[in-house]
Amino acid sequence: MARTPNYNFERKERERMKALKKAEKLAAKNARKQDESGDISNEVDATISEEPKSD
């Protein structure tokens, strides 16, 4: 005997999985963006610290 389809549940599960995947991609994008901005600030700090101080 075939099972009765539960369209609402299946649709909500698809939407939930899609939202989860989208959230993971956004988190990865934000982490990558933060790493890139952190690298730039570290390079600027290193450049500033290498300059001789005039007292």
PDB file of N, CA and C in Angstrom:
ATOM      1  N   MET A   1       0.852  -1.177   0.000  1.00  0.00           N
ATOM      2  CA  MET A   1       0.000   0.000   0.000  1.00  0.00           C
ATOM      3  C   MET A   1       0.902   1.246   0.000  1.00  0.00           C
ATOM      4  N   ALA A   2       0.576   2.180  -0.841  1.00  0.00           N
ATOM      5  CA  ALA A   2       1.363   3.403  -0.968  1.00  0.00           C
ATOM      6  C   ALA A   2       1.072   4.343   0.194  1.00  0.00           C
ATOM      7  N   ARG A   3       2.070   5.113   0.520  1.00  0.00           N
ATOM      8  CA  ARG A   3       1.885   6.055   1.629  1.00  0.00           C
ATOM      9  C   ARG A   3       1.143   7.292   1.132  1.00  0.00           C
ATOM     10  N   THR A   4       0.427   7.924   2.020  1.00  0.00           N
ATOM     11  CA  THR A   4      -0.299   9.145   1.697  1.00  0.00           C
ATOM     12  C   THR A   4       0.687  10.314   1.749  1.00  0.00           C
ATOM     13  N   PRO A   5       0.760  11.116   0.708  1.00  0.00           N
ATOM     14  CA  PRO A   5       1.719  12.229   0.713  1.00  0.00           C
ATOM     15  C   PRO A   5       1.328  13.305   1.726  1.00  0.00           C
ATOM     16  N   ASN A   6       2.331  13.860   2.332  1.00  0.00           N
ATOM     17  CA  ASN A   6       2.125  14.932   3.295  1.00  0.00           C
ATOM     18  C   ASN A   6       2.816  16.169   2.721  1.00  0.00           C
ATOM     19  N   TYR A   7       2.135  16.834   1.818  1.00  0.00           N
ATOM     20  CA  TYR A   7       2.733  17.927   1.053  1.00  0.00           C
ATOM     21  C   TYR A   7       3.207  19.075   1.936  1.00  0.00           C
ATOM     22  N   ASN A   8       2.424  19.449   2.912  1.00  0.00           N
ATOM     23  CA  ASN A   8       2.804  20.579   3.765  1.00  0.00           C
ATOM     24  C   ASN A   8       4.100  20.298   4.521  1.00  0.00           C
ATOM     25  N   PHE A   9       4.198  19.109   5.093  1.00  0.00           N
ATOM     26  CA  PHE A   9       5.402  18.750   5.837  1.00  0.00           C
ATOM     27  C   PHE A   9       6.616  18.732   4.915  1.00  0.00           C
ATOM     28  N   GLU A  10       6.478  18.117   3.752  1.00  0.00           N
ATOM     29  CA  GLU A  10       7.593  18.026   2.813  1.00  0.00           C
ATOM     30  C   GLU A  10       8.031  19.416   2.341  1.00  0.00           C
ATOM     31  N   ARG A  11       7.092  20.297   2.074  1.00  0.00           N
ATOM     32  CA  ARG A  11       7.418  21.655   1.646  1.00  0.00           C
ATOM     33  C   ARG A  11       8.141  22.406   2.759  1.00  0.00           C
ATOM     34  N   LYS A  12       7.648  22.287   3.990  1.00  0.00           N
ATOM     35  CA  LYS A  12       8.292  22.964   5.122  1.00  0.00           C
ATOM     36  C   LYS A  12       9.694  22.427   5.362  1.00  0.00           C
ATOM     37  N   GLU A  13       9.891  21.130   5.181  1.00  0.00           N
ATOM     38  CA  GLU A  13      11.226  20.551   5.328  1.00  0.00           C
ATOM     39  C   GLU A  13      12.175  21.082   4.260  1.00  0.00           C
ATOM     40  N   ARG A  14      11.699  21.193   3.026  1.00  0.00           N
ATOM     41  CA  ARG A  14      12.525  21.753   1.954  1.00  0.00           C
ATOM     42  C   ARG A  14      12.894  23.200   2.257  1.00  0.00           C
ATOM     43  N   GLU A  15      11.919  23.980   2.722  1.00  0.00           N
ATOM     44  CA  GLU A  15      12.172  25.384   3.049  1.00  0.00           C
ATOM     45  C   GLU A  15      13.144  25.516   4.222  1.00  0.00           C
ATOM     46  N   ARG A  16      13.006  24.617   5.210  1.00  0.00           N
ATOM     47  CA  ARG A  16      13.893  24.646   6.371  1.00  0.00           C
ATOM     48  C   ARG A  16      15.327  24.326   5.956  1.00  0.00           C
ATOM     49  N   MET A  17      15.485  23.318   5.109  1.00  0.00           N
ATOM     50  CA  MET A  17      16.819  22.947   4.640  1.00  0.00           C
ATOM     51  C   MET A  17      17.434  24.063   3.794  1.00  0.00           C
ATOM     52  N   LYS A  18      16.619  24.711   2.985  1.00  0.00           N
ATOM     53  CA  LYS A  18      17.101  25.816   2.150  1.00  0.00           C
ATOM     54  C   LYS A  18      17.554  26.984   3.035  1.00  0.00           C
ATOM     55  N   ALA A  19      16.776  27.294   4.065  1.00  0.00           N
ATOM     56  CA  ALA A  19      17.126  28.383   4.975  1.00  0.00           C
ATOM     57  C   ALA A  19      18.397  28.053   5.750  1.00  0.00           C
ATOM     58  N   LEU A  20      18.558  26.800   6.147  1.00  0.00           N
ATOM     59  CA  LEU A  20      19.753  26.379   6.864  1.00  0.00           C
ATOM     60  C   LEU A  20      20.983  26.514   5.976  1.00  0.00           C
ATOM     61  N   LYS A  21      20.870  26.078   4.740  1.00  0.00           N
ATOM     62  CA  LYS A  21      21.975  26.176   3.791  1.00  0.00           C
ATOM     63  C   LYS A  21      22.337  27.636   3.530  1.00  0.00           C
ATOM     64  N   LYS A  22      21.313  28.485   3.409  1.00  0.00           N
ATOM     65  CA  LYS A  22      21.540  29.912   3.163  1.00  0.00           C
ATOM     66  C   LYS A  22      22.235  30.555   4.363  1.00  0.00           C
ATOM     67  N   ALA A  23      21.840  30.181   5.565  1.00  0.00           N
ATOM     68  CA  ALA A  23      22.448  30.728   6.771  1.00  0.00           C
ATOM     69  C   ALA A  23      23.914  30.309   6.881  1.00  0.00           C
ATOM     70  N   GLU A  24      24.212  29.055   6.522  1.00  0.00           N
ATOM     71  CA  GLU A  24      25.592  28.585   6.562  1.00  0.00           C
ATOM     72  C   GLU A  24      26.461  29.342   5.561  1.00  0.00           C
ATOM     73  N   LYS A  25      25.930  29.569   4.366  1.00  0.00           N
ATOM     74  CA  LYS A  25      26.676  30.317   3.353  1.00  0.00           C
ATOM     75  C   LYS A  25      26.922  31.748   3.813  1.00  0.00           C
ATOM     76  N   LEU A  26      25.914  32.365   4.422  1.00  0.00           N
ATOM     77  CA  LEU A  26      26.057  33.738   4.903  1.00  0.00           C
ATOM     78  C   LEU A  26      27.086  33.812   6.030  1.00  0.00           C
ATOM     79  N   ALA A  27      27.074  32.835   6.930  1.00  0.00           N
ATOM     80  CA  ALA A  27      28.047  32.813   8.017  1.00  0.00           C
ATOM     81  C   ALA A  27      29.463  32.647   7.466  1.00  0.00           C
ATOM     82  N   ALA A  28      29.622  31.789   6.470  1.00  0.00           N
ATOM     83  CA  ALA A  28      30.937  31.593   5.861  1.00  0.00           C
ATOM     84  C   ALA A  28      31.390  32.869   5.158  1.00  0.00           C
ATOM     85  N   LYS A  29      30.473  33.531   4.492  1.00  0.00           N
ATOM     86  CA  LYS A  29      30.800  34.773   3.790  1.00  0.00           C
ATOM     87  C   LYS A  29      31.226  35.849   4.789  1.00  0.00           C
ATOM     88  N   ASN A  30      30.504  35.963   5.897  1.00  0.00           N
ATOM     89  CA  ASN A  30      30.847  36.957   6.909  1.00  0.00           C
ATOM     90  C   ASN A  30      32.187  36.639   7.557  1.00  0.00           C
ATOM     91  N   ALA A  31      32.465  35.361   7.797  1.00  0.00           N
ATOM     92  CA  ALA A  31      33.742  34.973   8.385  1.00  0.00           C
ATOM     93  C   ALA A  31      34.879  35.291   7.422  1.00  0.00           C
ATOM     94  N   ARG A  32      34.673  35.012   6.150  1.00  0.00           N
ATOM     95  CA  ARG A  32      35.700  35.298   5.140  1.00  0.00           C
ATOM     96  C   ARG A  32      35.929  36.807   5.048  1.00  0.00           C
ATOM     97  N   LYS A  33      34.840  37.571   5.093  1.00  0.00           N
ATOM     98  CA  LYS A  33      34.946  39.032   5.019  1.00  0.00           C
ATOM     99  C   LYS A  33      35.690  39.566   6.243  1.00  0.00           C
ATOM    100  N   GLN A  34      35.400  39.013   7.408  1.00  0.00           N
ATOM    101  CA  GLN A  34      36.058  39.440   8.632  1.00  0.00           C
ATOM    102  C   GLN A  34      37.539  39.079   8.592  1.00  0.00           C
ATOM    103  N   ASP A  35      37.882  37.899   8.071  1.00  0.00           N
ATOM    104  CA  ASP A  35      39.284  37.503   7.952  1.00  0.00           C
ATOM    105  C   ASP A  35      40.028  38.442   7.026  1.00  0.00           C
ATOM    106  N   GLU A  36      39.406  38.788   5.908  1.00  0.00           N
ATOM    107  CA  GLU A  36      40.050  39.687   4.956  1.00  0.00           C
ATOM    108  C   GLU A  36      40.271  41.059   5.572  1.00  0.00           C
ATOM    109  N   SER A  37      39.288  41.575   6.274  1.00  0.00           N
ATOM    110  CA  SER A  37      39.437  42.897   6.894  1.00  0.00           C
ATOM    111  C   SER A  37      40.442  42.833   8.035  1.00  0.00           C
ATOM    112  N   GLY A  38      40.524  41.707   8.732  1.00  0.00           N
ATOM    113  CA  GLY A  38      41.504  41.540   9.798  1.00  0.00           C
ATOM    114  C   GLY A  38      42.912  41.490   9.251  1.00  0.00           C
ATOM    115  N   ASP A  39      43.097  40.845   8.096  1.00  0.00           N
ATOM    116  CA  ASP A  39      44.412  40.776   7.474  1.00  0.00           C
ATOM    117  C   ASP A  39      44.895  42.158   7.075  1.00  0.00           C
ATOM    118  N   ILE A  40      44.032  42.971   6.558  1.00  0.00           N
ATOM    119  CA  ILE A  40      44.396  44.317   6.138  1.00  0.00           C
ATOM    120  C   ILE A  40      44.811  45.147   7.345  1.00  0.00           C
ATOM    121  N   SER A  41      44.061  45.071   8.429  1.00  0.00           N
ATOM    122  CA  SER A  41      44.401  45.858   9.609  1.00  0.00           C
ATOM    123  C   SER A  41      45.713  45.377  10.215  1.00  0.00           C
ATOM    124  N   ASN A  42      45.990  44.065  10.153  1.00  0.00           N
ATOM    125  CA  ASN A  42      47.262  43.559  10.663  1.00  0.00           C
ATOM    126  C   ASN A  42      48.418  44.079   9.829  1.00  0.00           C
ATOM    127  N   GLU A  43      48.245  44.149   8.522  1.00  0.00           N
ATOM    128  CA  GLU A  43      49.298  44.659   7.653  1.00  0.00           C
ATOM    129  C   GLU A  43      49.548  46.141   7.945  1.00  0.00           C
ATOM    130  N   VAL A  44      48.504  46.898   8.171  1.00  0.00           N
ATOM    131  CA  VAL A  44      48.646  48.318   8.478  1.00  0.00           C
ATOM    132  C   VAL A  44      49.352  48.476   9.820  1.00  0.00           C
ATOM    133  N   ASP A  45      48.985  47.674  10.819  1.00  0.00           N
ATOM    134  CA  ASP A  45      49.632  47.738  12.126  1.00  0.00           C
ATOM    135  C   ASP A  45      51.112  47.392  12.007  1.00  0.00           C
ATOM    136  N   ALA A  46      51.445  46.392  11.203  1.00  0.00           N
ATOM    137  CA  ALA A  46      52.844  45.998  11.027  1.00  0.00           C
ATOM    138  C   ALA A  46      53.617  47.122  10.362  1.00  0.00           C
ATOM    139  N   THR A  47      53.027  47.787   9.393  1.00  0.00           N
ATOM    140  CA  THR A  47      53.692  48.884   8.702  1.00  0.00           C
ATOM    141  C   THR A  47      53.917  50.047   9.654  1.00  0.00           C
ATOM    142  N   ILE A  48      52.960  50.340  10.472  1.00  0.00           N
ATOM    143  CA  ILE A  48      53.079  51.442  11.424  1.00  0.00           C
ATOM    144  C   ILE A  48      54.157  51.131  12.457  1.00  0.00           C
ATOM    145  N   SER A  49      54.212  49.889  12.943  1.00  0.00           N
ATOM    146  CA  SER A  49      55.177  49.538  13.968  1.00  0.00           C
ATOM    147  C   SER A  49      56.597  49.507  13.421  1.00  0.00           C
ATOM    148  N   GLU A  50      56.785  49.331  12.103  1.00  0.00           N
ATOM    149  CA  GLU A  50      58.105  49.291  11.511  1.00  0.00           C
ATOM    150  C   GLU A  50      58.697  50.689  11.301  1.00  0.00           C
ATOM    151  N   GLU A  51      57.854  51.708  11.314  1.00  0.00           N
ATOM    152  CA  GLU A  51      58.347  53.058  11.103  1.00  0.00           C
ATOM    153  C   GLU A  51      59.155  53.508  12.312  1.00  0.00           C
ATOM    154  N   PRO A  52      60.302  54.164  12.098  1.00  0.00           N
ATOM    155  CA  PRO A  52      61.112  54.635  13.232  1.00  0.00           C
ATOM    156  C   PRO A  52      60.376  55.749  13.980  1.00  0.00           C
ATOM    157  N   LYS A  53      60.521  55.709  15.285  1.00  0.00           N
ATOM    158  CA  LYS A  53      59.896  56.734  16.095  1.00  0.00           C
ATOM    159  C   LYS A  53      60.840  57.913  16.251  1.00  0.00           C
ATOM    160  N   SER A  54      60.339  59.095  16.125  1.00  0.00           N
ATOM    161  CA  SER A  54      61.175  60.286  16.309  1.00  0.00           C
ATOM    162  C   SER A  54      60.831  60.907  17.657  1.00  0.00           C
ATOM    163  N   ASP A  55      61.776  60.808  18.588  1.00  0.00           N
ATOM    164  CA  ASP A  55      61.548  61.358  19.936  1.00  0.00           C
ATOM    165  C   ASP A  55      62.255  62.659  20.119  1.00  0.00           C
TER     166      ASP A  55
END
